[in-house]
């Protein structure tokens, strides 16, 4: 049985389908075009990442540099928005501001990985200015960044655990002593990490016992999707948005 809803962000019937970077398998990750494609397919939960430019503009982009996925180059934190805006993902689509995405998809909810400390305050300022607290869940590998966000924003902001929080939850699921914070609303985790199984019956059961949902990333194969849903996970993030939709439709849980 899934855990009770602790934040409006999680108010959704059944397991949540997340479009990871809008559906990164298509090669146009984190672009307005790709997020629109996911929304048109029926996705209402979208996953992205944010960095701040040198002049404080918040862009939806995974890497710290433009080099891998765009025709531009350089570290985003060292570039002004006037330069970043000319870069094209796969040589085709512009890098969007996160605010543009909030405006373009007013019904969508966003799972946002704040990739670097300079992006945290601009991110929280944007959520405050647009009053989109109910549509946002903040995540980060940095436990310190998550804790700082919680301290600054309070219970308005839904967050997942950082790395330390996930480790403690895994230890607790094995019956070992570990502190489990109640301030987060979800554990967002890989199925396995460094050859160690993270998500199993004990992990899901322990998370639910502590009022946490379990969202698993990044799952692109049908058999793994079915296995995780059988375990009772509350959400799956995928690059292959058609595949996850088909699996959920076949199970009668696509909303």
Foldseek 3Di string as FASTA:
>chain_A
DFADDDALQLPDFFFAEEAEQLQCVVQQGVFPVSVVVLVVVPHQEYEFEWDAACVGFIWTDDDQWPPPFWPDTDGRNDHDVVVQQPIAGNDHGGTGGVLVVCVVRVRHAYEYEYEDDSNLVSVVVSCVVVVVLSRYEYEYLDQVSVVVSCVVPPLSHAYEGHVQLLVQLQCVLVVHDGDHDLSHAAHEEECDDPNHGSDDLSSCVSQSVSNHAYEYDEDEDLVVLVVRVVSPHRYYYYSHSVSNQVSCVVVVNRD
